[in-house]
Amino acid sequence: MIDQRTIPLTENFGVEVQGVQLGQIKAGAEFDQLRSMFEEHSALLFRAQDIDDEQHLALGKLFGPIEDRLADERKPDEAYVVPRVSNVLKDGTLSGEMDLHTLHLKANMMWHADSTFMPNPALTNILVSRVTTSHGGATEFASTRAAWSQMPKALKVKIEGRGIWHKYSHSRARISPELAALPMFHKWPDQHWNAVWKNPSNGREALYIASHAFKIDGYNEAESQVILDELMAFCTQPQFVYRHEWSVGDVLIWDQRAVLHRATPWPQNEPRTLTSICVSTTDRDGLSLMRHQSDAN
């Protein structure tokens, strides 16, 4: 078992877990305890971790299937590489202020859950800090589970029992039409998910929205955007938000079914790098129950 101690990150969700080295976690009782904390608290912070890419990948596999957005682009003999969220380009230079790569990073500054636009959305993201800047670059997290439990009925009734449509290009179009036109944002058909995700391990519900959401069943797109903006504003009030200022070696693991996140600005003339592994949901995580009823008929 893990000899761990926890400190709350906020009153509503999240804990810092002390006394654990993630690179040493194995399947069995150790991981089961970690997974239990994940289900209960929605966000887990581990500081001063010594974890390389191989250990990072091994940890992700304990949660489930590794998401691979580049599978269709990779050559048969080309190995999976742990993705980097960074303004550092392959040649070592930094991306320019208006480069499409920079605009893509800026799109991550909208509140979102990862991969709601994919046939198997993300269960979790395991994010490791590798290079930090002199200031800025915090990541913010918002609990849609806590928000849903405290949401006024008048707002809930606008979305309860409905499905929501998601597509990758929608969020990118809010930053740049040129960015949204790139093929990488059109790989998957629009996805249709129930508005509320019920955690099968504890029965707790969370609103399931993202910057990728563009239409709610029963409303046109303009009406939908007004309601989605209203829901997002409620869920991202300060009492539901945790802001993390990164130090090298910090690791955050959070439940994408119940937590939104967004990047915040940092000096573009300074390198910043995080490594990121998303794990896809399975039926164990409630995926089959999230497919809207109209899609199952």
C-alpha atoms as a PDB file:
ATOM      1  CA  MET A   1       0.000   0.000   0.000  1.00  0.00           C
ATOM      2  CA  ILE A   2       1.031   3.619  -0.538  1.00  0.00           C
ATOM      3  CA  ASP A   3       2.286   5.380   2.590  1.00  0.00           C
ATOM      4  CA  GLN A   4       0.702   8.678   1.606  1.00  0.00           C
ATOM      5  CA  ARG A   5      -0.593  11.869   3.161  1.00  0.00           C
ATOM      6  CA  THR A   6      -3.007  14.283   1.514  1.00  0.00           C
ATOM      7  CA  ILE A   7      -3.558  18.036   1.728  1.00  0.00           C
ATOM      8  CA  PRO A   8      -6.709  19.556   0.172  1.00  0.00           C
ATOM      9  CA  LEU A   9      -6.130  21.811  -2.839  1.00  0.00           C
ATOM     10  CA  THR A  10      -9.525  23.496  -2.429  1.00  0.00           C
ATOM     11  CA  GLU A  11     -12.637  23.058  -0.316  1.00  0.00           C
ATOM     12  CA  ASN A  12     -14.481  21.453  -3.213  1.00  0.00           C
ATOM     13  CA  PHE A  13     -12.006  19.135  -4.935  1.00  0.00           C
ATOM     14  CA  GLY A  14      -8.410  18.047  -5.352  1.00  0.00           C
ATOM     15  CA  VAL A  15      -5.629  16.948  -3.006  1.00  0.00           C
ATOM     16  CA  GLU A  16      -1.856  17.143  -2.912  1.00  0.00           C
ATOM     17  CA  VAL A  17      -0.514  13.641  -2.300  1.00  0.00           C
ATOM     18  CA  GLN A  18       2.720  13.406  -0.352  1.00  0.00           C
ATOM     19  CA  GLY A  19       5.022  10.481   0.266  1.00  0.00           C
ATOM     20  CA  VAL A  20       4.575   8.920  -3.193  1.00  0.00           C
ATOM     21  CA  GLN A  21       6.988   8.484  -6.098  1.00  0.00           C
ATOM     22  CA  LEU A  22       4.837   7.906  -9.163  1.00  0.00           C
ATOM     23  CA  GLY A  23       7.658   6.283 -11.118  1.00  0.00           C
ATOM     24  CA  GLN A  24       7.532   3.377  -8.676  1.00  0.00           C
ATOM     25  CA  ILE A  25       3.770   2.745  -8.689  1.00  0.00           C
ATOM     26  CA  LYS A  26       2.877  -0.795  -9.789  1.00  0.00           C
ATOM     27  CA  ALA A  27      -0.354  -2.546 -10.697  1.00  0.00           C
ATOM     28  CA  GLY A  28      -2.181  -4.062  -7.756  1.00  0.00           C
ATOM     29  CA  ALA A  29      -2.893  -2.590  -4.331  1.00  0.00           C
ATOM     30  CA  GLU A  30      -0.691   0.483  -4.867  1.00  0.00           C
ATOM     31  CA  PHE A  31      -2.397   1.573  -8.046  1.00  0.00           C
ATOM     32  CA  ASP A  32      -5.847   0.624  -6.735  1.00  0.00           C
ATOM     33  CA  GLN A  33      -5.299   3.075  -3.867  1.00  0.00           C
ATOM     34  CA  LEU A  34      -4.198   5.762  -6.313  1.00  0.00           C
ATOM     35  CA  ARG A  35      -7.219   5.135  -8.533  1.00  0.00           C
ATOM     36  CA  SER A  36      -9.511   5.345  -5.515  1.00  0.00           C
ATOM     37  CA  MET A  37      -8.100   8.783  -4.634  1.00  0.00           C
ATOM     38  CA  PHE A  38      -8.554   9.828  -8.270  1.00  0.00           C
ATOM     39  CA  GLU A  39     -12.239   8.854  -8.222  1.00  0.00           C
ATOM     40  CA  GLU A  40     -12.848  10.577  -4.887  1.00  0.00           C
ATOM     41  CA  HIS A  41     -10.936  13.839  -5.303  1.00  0.00           C
ATOM     42  CA  SER A  42     -10.935  14.361  -9.118  1.00  0.00           C
ATOM     43  CA  ALA A  43      -7.477  15.999  -9.129  1.00  0.00           C
ATOM     44  CA  LEU A  44      -4.208  14.767  -7.612  1.00  0.00           C
ATOM     45  CA  LEU A  45      -1.012  16.811  -7.273  1.00  0.00           C
ATOM     46  CA  PHE A  46       2.404  15.206  -6.723  1.00  0.00           C
ATOM     47  CA  ARG A  47       5.421  17.461  -6.216  1.00  0.00           C
ATOM     48  CA  ALA A  48       9.147  16.864  -6.802  1.00  0.00           C
ATOM     49  CA  GLN A  49       8.673  13.741  -8.890  1.00  0.00           C
ATOM     50  CA  ASP A  50      11.573  11.988 -10.605  1.00  0.00           C
ATOM     51  CA  ILE A  51       9.704  10.406 -13.518  1.00  0.00           C
ATOM     52  CA  ASP A  52      11.055   9.861 -17.018  1.00  0.00           C
ATOM     53  CA  ASP A  53       9.045   9.339 -20.217  1.00  0.00           C
ATOM     54  CA  GLU A  54       9.091   5.552 -19.881  1.00  0.00           C
ATOM     55  CA  GLN A  55       7.746   5.691 -16.338  1.00  0.00           C
ATOM     56  CA  HIS A  56       5.247   8.347 -17.370  1.00  0.00           C
ATOM     57  CA  LEU A  57       3.922   6.033 -20.077  1.00  0.00           C
ATOM     58  CA  ALA A  58       3.828   3.039 -17.724  1.00  0.00           C
ATOM     59  CA  LEU A  59       1.769   5.024 -15.234  1.00  0.00           C
ATOM     60  CA  GLY A  60      -0.670   6.053 -17.942  1.00  0.00           C
ATOM     61  CA  LYS A  61      -1.177   2.433 -18.998  1.00  0.00           C
ATOM     62  CA  LEU A  62      -2.294   1.559 -15.476  1.00  0.00           C
ATOM     63  CA  PHE A  63      -5.253   3.918 -15.942  1.00  0.00           C
ATOM     64  CA  GLY A  64      -6.235   2.512 -19.340  1.00  0.00           C
ATOM     65  CA  PRO A  65      -5.555   2.736 -23.086  1.00  0.00           C
ATOM     66  CA  ILE A  66      -3.146   5.488 -24.105  1.00  0.00           C
ATOM     67  CA  GLU A  67      -4.662   8.086 -26.408  1.00  0.00           C
ATOM     68  CA  ASP A  68      -2.735   8.409 -29.662  1.00  0.00           C
ATOM     69  CA  ARG A  69      -3.967  11.240 -31.888  1.00  0.00           C
ATOM     70  CA  LEU A  70      -1.130  10.695 -34.360  1.00  0.00           C
ATOM     71  CA  ALA A  71      -1.705   6.980 -34.936  1.00  0.00           C
ATOM     72  CA  ASP A  72      -2.896   7.611 -38.493  1.00  0.00           C
ATOM     73  CA  GLU A  73       0.198   9.689 -39.295  1.00  0.00           C
ATOM     74  CA  ARG A  74       2.854   7.446 -37.806  1.00  0.00           C
ATOM     75  CA  LYS A  75       4.880   5.127 -40.026  1.00  0.00           C
ATOM     76  CA  PRO A  76       4.648   1.379 -39.234  1.00  0.00           C
ATOM     77  CA  ASP A  77       8.156   1.325 -37.733  1.00  0.00           C
ATOM     78  CA  GLU A  78       7.757   4.626 -35.877  1.00  0.00           C
ATOM     79  CA  ALA A  79       7.348   4.379 -32.104  1.00  0.00           C
ATOM     80  CA  TYR A  80       4.879   6.336 -29.989  1.00  0.00           C
ATOM     81  CA  VAL A  81       6.521   9.371 -28.407  1.00  0.00           C
ATOM     82  CA  VAL A  82       5.196  10.987 -25.231  1.00  0.00           C
ATOM     83  CA  PRO A  83       3.566  14.259 -26.377  1.00  0.00           C
ATOM     84  CA  ARG A  84       5.032  17.581 -25.337  1.00  0.00           C
ATOM     85  CA  VAL A  85       3.006  20.716 -24.701  1.00  0.00           C
ATOM     86  CA  SER A  86       5.631  23.287 -25.491  1.00  0.00           C
ATOM     87  CA  ASN A  87       6.513  26.437 -27.389  1.00  0.00           C
ATOM     88  CA  VAL A  88       9.873  24.846 -28.267  1.00  0.00           C
ATOM     89  CA  LEU A  89       9.948  23.648 -31.884  1.00  0.00           C
ATOM     90  CA  LYS A  90      11.786  20.581 -33.204  1.00  0.00           C
ATOM     91  CA  ASP A  91      14.789  22.691 -34.228  1.00  0.00           C
ATOM     92  CA  GLY A  92      15.076  24.136 -30.716  1.00  0.00           C
ATOM     93  CA  THR A  93      13.730  27.589 -31.577  1.00  0.00           C
ATOM     94  CA  LEU A  94      10.625  29.114 -30.005  1.00  0.00           C
ATOM     95  CA  SER A  95       7.397  29.507 -31.941  1.00  0.00           C
ATOM     96  CA  GLY A  96       6.472  33.061 -32.955  1.00  0.00           C
ATOM     97  CA  GLU A  97       3.614  35.042 -31.455  1.00  0.00           C
ATOM     98  CA  MET A  98       1.294  34.453 -34.438  1.00  0.00           C
ATOM     99  CA  ASP A  99       2.572  31.063 -35.602  1.00  0.00           C
ATOM    100  CA  LEU A 100      -0.196  28.475 -35.964  1.00  0.00           C
ATOM    101  CA  HIS A 101       1.554  26.386 -33.307  1.00  0.00           C
ATOM    102  CA  THR A 102       1.366  29.317 -30.875  1.00  0.00           C
ATOM    103  CA  LEU A 103      -2.285  29.897 -31.741  1.00  0.00           C
ATOM    104  CA  HIS A 104      -2.944  26.213 -31.005  1.00  0.00           C
ATOM    105  CA  LEU A 105      -1.363  26.682 -27.572  1.00  0.00           C
ATOM    106  CA  LYS A 106      -3.508  29.790 -27.063  1.00  0.00           C
ATOM    107  CA  ALA A 107      -6.619  27.755 -27.836  1.00  0.00           C
ATOM    108  CA  ASN A 108      -5.721  25.652 -24.800  1.00  0.00           C
ATOM    109  CA  MET A 109      -6.269  28.810 -22.753  1.00  0.00           C
ATOM    110  CA  MET A 110     -10.022  28.282 -23.147  1.00  0.00           C
ATOM    111  CA  TRP A 111     -11.705  26.087 -20.568  1.00  0.00           C
ATOM    112  CA  HIS A 112     -11.887  22.542 -21.902  1.00  0.00           C
ATOM    113  CA  ALA A 113     -11.799  18.834 -21.205  1.00  0.00           C
ATOM    114  CA  ASP A 114      -9.468  16.884 -23.458  1.00  0.00           C
ATOM    115  CA  SER A 115     -10.672  14.889 -26.437  1.00  0.00           C
ATOM    116  CA  THR A 116     -14.420  15.399 -26.105  1.00  0.00           C
ATOM    117  CA  PHE A 117     -14.268  15.542 -29.917  1.00  0.00           C
ATOM    118  CA  MET A 118     -12.924  11.966 -30.189  1.00  0.00           C
ATOM    119  CA  PRO A 119     -14.897   8.682 -30.261  1.00  0.00           C
ATOM    120  CA  ASN A 120     -13.207   7.773 -26.960  1.00  0.00           C
ATOM    121  CA  PRO A 121     -12.711  10.955 -24.930  1.00  0.00           C
ATOM    122  CA  ALA A 122     -10.065  11.259 -22.247  1.00  0.00           C
ATOM    123  CA  LEU A 123     -10.413   9.759 -18.797  1.00  0.00           C
ATOM    124  CA  THR A 124      -7.373  11.548 -17.459  1.00  0.00           C
ATOM    125  CA  ASN A 125      -4.364  13.600 -18.385  1.00  0.00           C
ATOM    126  CA  ILE A 126      -1.087  12.980 -16.556  1.00  0.00           C
ATOM    127  CA  LEU A 127       0.830  16.217 -16.911  1.00  0.00           C
ATOM    128  CA  VAL A 128       4.504  16.502 -15.911  1.00  0.00           C
ATOM    129  CA  SER A 129       6.360  19.811 -15.647  1.00  0.00           C
ATOM    130  CA  ARG A 130       9.740  19.708 -17.443  1.00  0.00           C
ATOM    131  CA  VAL A 131      10.696  23.342 -18.138  1.00  0.00           C
ATOM    132  CA  THR A 132       9.138  26.363 -16.424  1.00  0.00           C
ATOM    133  CA  THR A 133       9.250  30.079 -17.155  1.00  0.00           C
ATOM    134  CA  SER A 134      10.269  32.949 -14.880  1.00  0.00           C
ATOM    135  CA  HIS A 135       6.605  33.778 -14.335  1.00  0.00           C
ATOM    136  CA  GLY A 136       3.184  32.921 -15.745  1.00  0.00           C
ATOM    137  CA  GLY A 137       2.231  29.603 -17.280  1.00  0.00           C
ATOM    138  CA  ALA A 138      -0.062  28.419 -14.490  1.00  0.00           C
ATOM    139  CA  THR A 139      -2.734  25.827 -15.278  1.00  0.00           C
ATOM    140  CA  GLU A 140      -6.218  26.287 -13.847  1.00  0.00           C
ATOM    141  CA  PHE A 141      -8.695  23.517 -13.055  1.00  0.00           C
ATOM    142  CA  ALA A 142     -12.446  23.774 -12.450  1.00  0.00           C
ATOM    143  CA  SER A 143     -14.632  21.059 -10.930  1.00  0.00           C
ATOM    144  CA  THR A 144     -17.810  20.559 -12.942  1.00  0.00           C
ATOM    145  CA  ARG A 145     -18.815  17.937 -10.363  1.00  0.00           C
ATOM    146  CA  ALA A 146     -18.781  20.445  -7.506  1.00  0.00           C
ATOM    147  CA  ALA A 147     -20.410  23.057  -9.733  1.00  0.00           C
ATOM    148  CA  TRP A 148     -23.166  20.699 -10.866  1.00  0.00           C
ATOM    149  CA  SER A 149     -23.997  19.789  -7.269  1.00  0.00           C
ATOM    150  CA  GLN A 150     -24.433  23.491  -6.431  1.00  0.00           C
ATOM    151  CA  MET A 151     -25.992  24.697  -9.685  1.00  0.00           C
ATOM    152  CA  PRO A 152     -29.399  26.423  -9.447  1.00  0.00           C
ATOM    153  CA  LYS A 153     -32.288  24.381 -10.794  1.00  0.00           C
ATOM    154  CA  ALA A 154     -33.199  27.146 -13.258  1.00  0.00           C
ATOM    155  CA  LEU A 155     -29.853  26.662 -14.981  1.00  0.00           C
ATOM    156  CA  LYS A 156     -29.805  22.865 -14.695  1.00  0.00           C
ATOM    157  CA  VAL A 157     -33.124  22.451 -16.481  1.00  0.00           C
ATOM    158  CA  LYS A 158     -31.673  24.059 -19.607  1.00  0.00           C
ATOM    159  CA  ILE A 159     -29.327  21.103 -20.077  1.00  0.00           C
ATOM    160  CA  GLU A 160     -30.616  18.094 -18.086  1.00  0.00           C
ATOM    161  CA  GLY A 161     -31.474  15.061 -20.205  1.00  0.00           C
ATOM    162  CA  ARG A 162     -29.994  16.581 -23.356  1.00  0.00           C
ATOM    163  CA  GLY A 163     -27.048  15.680 -25.530  1.00  0.00           C
ATOM    164  CA  ILE A 164     -24.236  18.029 -26.526  1.00  0.00           C
ATOM    165  CA  TRP A 165     -22.287  17.988 -29.799  1.00  0.00           C
ATOM    166  CA  HIS A 166     -18.510  18.483 -29.804  1.00  0.00           C
ATOM    167  CA  LYS A 167     -15.933  19.084 -32.554  1.00  0.00           C
ATOM    168  CA  TYR A 168     -12.252  20.006 -32.435  1.00  0.00           C
ATOM    169  CA  SER A 169     -12.381  22.724 -35.088  1.00  0.00           C
ATOM    170  CA  HIS A 170     -15.041  24.640 -33.147  1.00  0.00           C
ATOM    171  CA  SER A 171     -12.668  25.610 -30.346  1.00  0.00           C
ATOM    172  CA  ARG A 172      -9.864  26.431 -32.798  1.00  0.00           C
ATOM    173  CA  ALA A 173     -12.160  28.627 -34.889  1.00  0.00           C
ATOM    174  CA  ARG A 174     -12.673  30.842 -31.852  1.00  0.00           C
ATOM    175  CA  ILE A 175      -8.950  31.631 -32.045  1.00  0.00           C
ATOM    176  CA  SER A 176      -8.281  31.636 -35.798  1.00  0.00           C
ATOM    177  CA  PRO A 177     -10.194  30.441 -38.893  1.00  0.00           C
ATOM    178  CA  GLU A 178      -6.841  29.550 -40.475  1.00  0.00           C
ATOM    179  CA  LEU A 179      -5.984  27.387 -37.476  1.00  0.00           C
ATOM    180  CA  ALA A 180      -9.383  25.676 -37.538  1.00  0.00           C
ATOM    181  CA  ALA A 181      -8.931  24.784 -41.214  1.00  0.00           C
ATOM    182  CA  LEU A 182      -5.913  22.554 -40.555  1.00  0.00           C
ATOM    183  CA  PRO A 183      -6.523  18.836 -41.278  1.00  0.00           C
ATOM    184  CA  MET A 184      -5.549  17.812 -37.733  1.00  0.00           C
ATOM    185  CA  PHE A 185      -8.745  19.427 -36.441  1.00  0.00           C
ATOM    186  CA  HIS A 186     -11.002  17.455 -38.809  1.00  0.00           C
ATOM    187  CA  LYS A 187      -9.907  13.871 -38.210  1.00  0.00           C
ATOM    188  CA  TRP A 188     -13.010  12.810 -36.303  1.00  0.00           C
ATOM    189  CA  PRO A 189     -16.742  13.254 -36.924  1.00  0.00           C
ATOM    190  CA  ASP A 190     -18.747  15.401 -34.509  1.00  0.00           C
ATOM    191  CA  GLN A 191     -19.288  13.595 -31.208  1.00  0.00           C
ATOM    192  CA  HIS A 192     -22.575  13.494 -29.290  1.00  0.00           C
ATOM    193  CA  TRP A 193     -22.369  13.042 -25.506  1.00  0.00           C
ATOM    194  CA  ASN A 194     -24.851  13.254 -22.678  1.00  0.00           C
ATOM    195  CA  ALA A 195     -24.615  16.550 -20.826  1.00  0.00           C
ATOM    196  CA  VAL A 196     -23.968  14.866 -17.466  1.00  0.00           C
ATOM    197  CA  TRP A 197     -21.363  12.189 -16.717  1.00  0.00           C
ATOM    198  CA  LYS A 198     -22.228   9.880 -13.816  1.00  0.00           C
ATOM    199  CA  ASN A 199     -19.168   8.315 -12.217  1.00  0.00           C
ATOM    200  CA  PRO A 200     -19.854   4.562 -12.088  1.00  0.00           C
ATOM    201  CA  SER A 201     -17.618   4.048  -9.046  1.00  0.00           C
ATOM    202  CA  ASN A 202     -19.440   6.454  -6.725  1.00  0.00           C
ATOM    203  CA  GLY A 203     -22.550   7.698  -8.558  1.00  0.00           C
ATOM    204  CA  ARG A 204     -21.498  11.356  -8.432  1.00  0.00           C
ATOM    205  CA  GLU A 205     -22.509  13.475 -11.417  1.00  0.00           C
ATOM    206  CA  ALA A 206     -20.573  16.130 -13.322  1.00  0.00           C
ATOM    207  CA  LEU A 207     -21.531  18.479 -16.121  1.00  0.00           C
ATOM    208  CA  TYR A 208     -19.672  17.421 -19.284  1.00  0.00           C
ATOM    209  CA  ILE A 209     -18.870  20.466 -21.401  1.00  0.00           C
ATOM    210  CA  ALA A 210     -15.792  21.926 -23.087  1.00  0.00           C
ATOM    211  CA  SER A 211     -14.660  24.660 -25.456  1.00  0.00           C
ATOM    212  CA  HIS A 212     -15.209  22.030 -28.177  1.00  0.00           C
ATOM    213  CA  ALA A 213     -18.969  21.922 -27.462  1.00  0.00           C
ATOM    214  CA  PHE A 214     -21.049  23.761 -30.073  1.00  0.00           C
ATOM    215  CA  LYS A 215     -24.658  22.543 -30.040  1.00  0.00           C
ATOM    216  CA  ILE A 216     -27.152  21.356 -27.433  1.00  0.00           C
ATOM    217  CA  ASP A 217     -30.065  19.153 -28.482  1.00  0.00           C
ATOM    218  CA  GLY A 218     -33.230  21.197 -28.791  1.00  0.00           C
ATOM    219  CA  TYR A 219     -31.485  24.509 -29.474  1.00  0.00           C
ATOM    220  CA  ASN A 220     -29.883  26.023 -32.543  1.00  0.00           C
ATOM    221  CA  GLU A 221     -26.153  26.782 -32.459  1.00  0.00           C
ATOM    222  CA  ALA A 222     -26.569  30.422 -31.448  1.00  0.00           C
ATOM    223  CA  GLU A 223     -28.939  29.524 -28.593  1.00  0.00           C
ATOM    224  CA  SER A 224     -26.639  26.683 -27.599  1.00  0.00           C
ATOM    225  CA  GLN A 225     -23.609  28.970 -27.347  1.00  0.00           C
ATOM    226  CA  VAL A 226     -25.449  31.337 -25.012  1.00  0.00           C
ATOM    227  CA  ILE A 227     -26.352  28.445 -22.684  1.00  0.00           C
ATOM    228  CA  LEU A 228     -22.895  26.860 -22.913  1.00  0.00           C
ATOM    229  CA  ASP A 229     -21.308  30.204 -22.013  1.00  0.00           C
ATOM    230  CA  GLU A 230     -23.688  30.542 -19.053  1.00  0.00           C
ATOM    231  CA  LEU A 231     -22.855  27.022 -17.843  1.00  0.00           C
ATOM    232  CA  MET A 232     -19.138  27.606 -18.291  1.00  0.00           C
ATOM    233  CA  ALA A 233     -19.290  30.862 -16.340  1.00  0.00           C
ATOM    234  CA  PHE A 234     -21.024  29.134 -13.453  1.00  0.00           C
ATOM    235  CA  CYS A 235     -18.590  26.189 -13.362  1.00  0.00           C
ATOM    236  CA  THR A 236     -15.491  28.384 -13.429  1.00  0.00           C
ATOM    237  CA  GLN A 237     -16.355  30.626 -10.487  1.00  0.00           C
ATOM    238  CA  PRO A 238     -13.479  30.976  -7.992  1.00  0.00           C
ATOM    239  CA  GLN A 239     -14.973  28.531  -5.459  1.00  0.00           C
ATOM    240  CA  PHE A 240     -14.761  25.739  -8.045  1.00  0.00           C
ATOM    241  CA  VAL A 241     -11.252  26.556  -9.346  1.00  0.00           C
ATOM    242  CA  TYR A 242      -7.725  25.497  -8.400  1.00  0.00           C
ATOM    243  CA  ARG A 243      -4.792  27.398  -9.944  1.00  0.00           C
ATOM    244  CA  HIS A 244      -1.460  25.570 -10.100  1.00  0.00           C
ATOM    245  CA  GLU A 245       1.844  27.402 -10.401  1.00  0.00           C
ATOM    246  CA  TRP A 246       4.268  24.859 -11.854  1.00  0.00           C
ATOM    247  CA  SER A 247       7.655  23.820 -10.522  1.00  0.00           C
ATOM    248  CA  VAL A 248       9.849  21.339 -12.381  1.00  0.00           C
ATOM    249  CA  GLY A 249       8.898  17.823 -11.302  1.00  0.00           C
ATOM    250  CA  ASP A 250       5.269  18.621 -10.460  1.00  0.00           C
ATOM    251  CA  VAL A 251       2.748  16.070 -11.726  1.00  0.00           C
ATOM    252  CA  LEU A 252      -1.005  16.626 -11.957  1.00  0.00           C
ATOM    253  CA  ILE A 253      -3.482  13.851 -12.673  1.00  0.00           C
ATOM    254  CA  TRP A 254      -7.128  14.822 -13.059  1.00  0.00           C
ATOM    255  CA  ASP A 255     -10.476  13.349 -14.016  1.00  0.00           C
ATOM    256  CA  GLN A 256     -11.453  14.714 -17.420  1.00  0.00           C
ATOM    257  CA  ARG A 257     -15.031  13.542 -16.867  1.00  0.00           C
ATOM    258  CA  ALA A 258     -15.430  15.998 -13.999  1.00  0.00           C
ATOM    259  CA  VAL A 259     -12.755  18.695 -14.301  1.00  0.00           C
ATOM    260  CA  LEU A 260     -12.141  21.423 -16.879  1.00  0.00           C
ATOM    261  CA  HIS A 261      -8.718  22.982 -17.315  1.00  0.00           C
ATOM    262  CA  ARG A 262      -7.002  25.786 -19.166  1.00  0.00           C
ATOM    263  CA  ALA A 263      -3.498  27.132 -19.658  1.00  0.00           C
ATOM    264  CA  THR A 264      -2.625  30.709 -18.768  1.00  0.00           C
ATOM    265  CA  PRO A 265      -0.173  33.021 -20.592  1.00  0.00           C
ATOM    266  CA  TRP A 266       3.588  33.000 -20.112  1.00  0.00           C
ATOM    267  CA  PRO A 267       6.435  34.989 -21.704  1.00  0.00           C
ATOM    268  CA  GLN A 268       6.636  33.761 -25.298  1.00  0.00           C
ATOM    269  CA  ASN A 269      10.364  34.465 -25.389  1.00  0.00           C
ATOM    270  CA  GLU A 270      10.943  31.828 -22.687  1.00  0.00           C
ATOM    271  CA  PRO A 271      10.725  28.041 -23.203  1.00  0.00           C
ATOM    272  CA  ARG A 272       8.005  26.119 -21.397  1.00  0.00           C
ATOM    273  CA  THR A 273       7.538  22.362 -21.657  1.00  0.00           C
ATOM    274  CA  LEU A 274       5.137  19.887 -20.097  1.00  0.00           C
ATOM    275  CA  THR A 275       4.846  16.238 -21.058  1.00  0.00           C
ATOM    276  CA  SER A 276       1.269  15.050 -21.392  1.00  0.00           C
ATOM    277  CA  ILE A 277      -0.251  11.589 -21.583  1.00  0.00           C
ATOM    278  CA  CYS A 278      -4.003  11.280 -22.028  1.00  0.00           C
ATOM    279  CA  VAL A 279      -5.708   8.004 -21.224  1.00  0.00           C
ATOM    280  CA  SER A 280      -8.933   7.146 -23.045  1.00  0.00           C
ATOM    281  CA  THR A 281     -12.184   6.254 -21.315  1.00  0.00           C
ATOM    282  CA  THR A 282     -13.610   2.745 -21.464  1.00  0.00           C
ATOM    283  CA  ASP A 283     -16.965   1.303 -20.446  1.00  0.00           C
ATOM    284  CA  ARG A 284     -15.526   0.825 -16.952  1.00  0.00           C
ATOM    285  CA  ASP A 285     -15.374   4.624 -16.758  1.00  0.00           C
ATOM    286  CA  GLY A 286     -18.959   5.090 -17.920  1.00  0.00           C
ATOM    287  CA  LEU A 287     -18.282   5.622 -21.622  1.00  0.00           C
ATOM    288  CA  SER A 288     -21.162   3.505 -22.952  1.00  0.00           C
ATOM    289  CA  LEU A 289     -23.606   5.347 -20.684  1.00  0.00           C
ATOM    290  CA  MET A 290     -22.459   8.689 -22.097  1.00  0.00           C
ATOM    291  CA  ARG A 291     -23.491   7.971 -25.675  1.00  0.00           C
ATOM    292  CA  HIS A 292     -26.691   9.925 -26.091  1.00  0.00           C
ATOM    293  CA  GLN A 293     -29.814   7.784 -26.319  1.00  0.00           C
ATOM    294  CA  SER A 294     -30.616   9.020 -29.824  1.00  0.00           C
ATOM    295  CA  ASP A 295     -27.285   7.559 -31.014  1.00  0.00           C
ATOM    296  CA  ALA A 296     -28.023   4.159 -29.477  1.00  0.00           C
ATOM    297  CA  ASN A 297     -31.319   3.694 -31.340  1.00  0.00           C
END
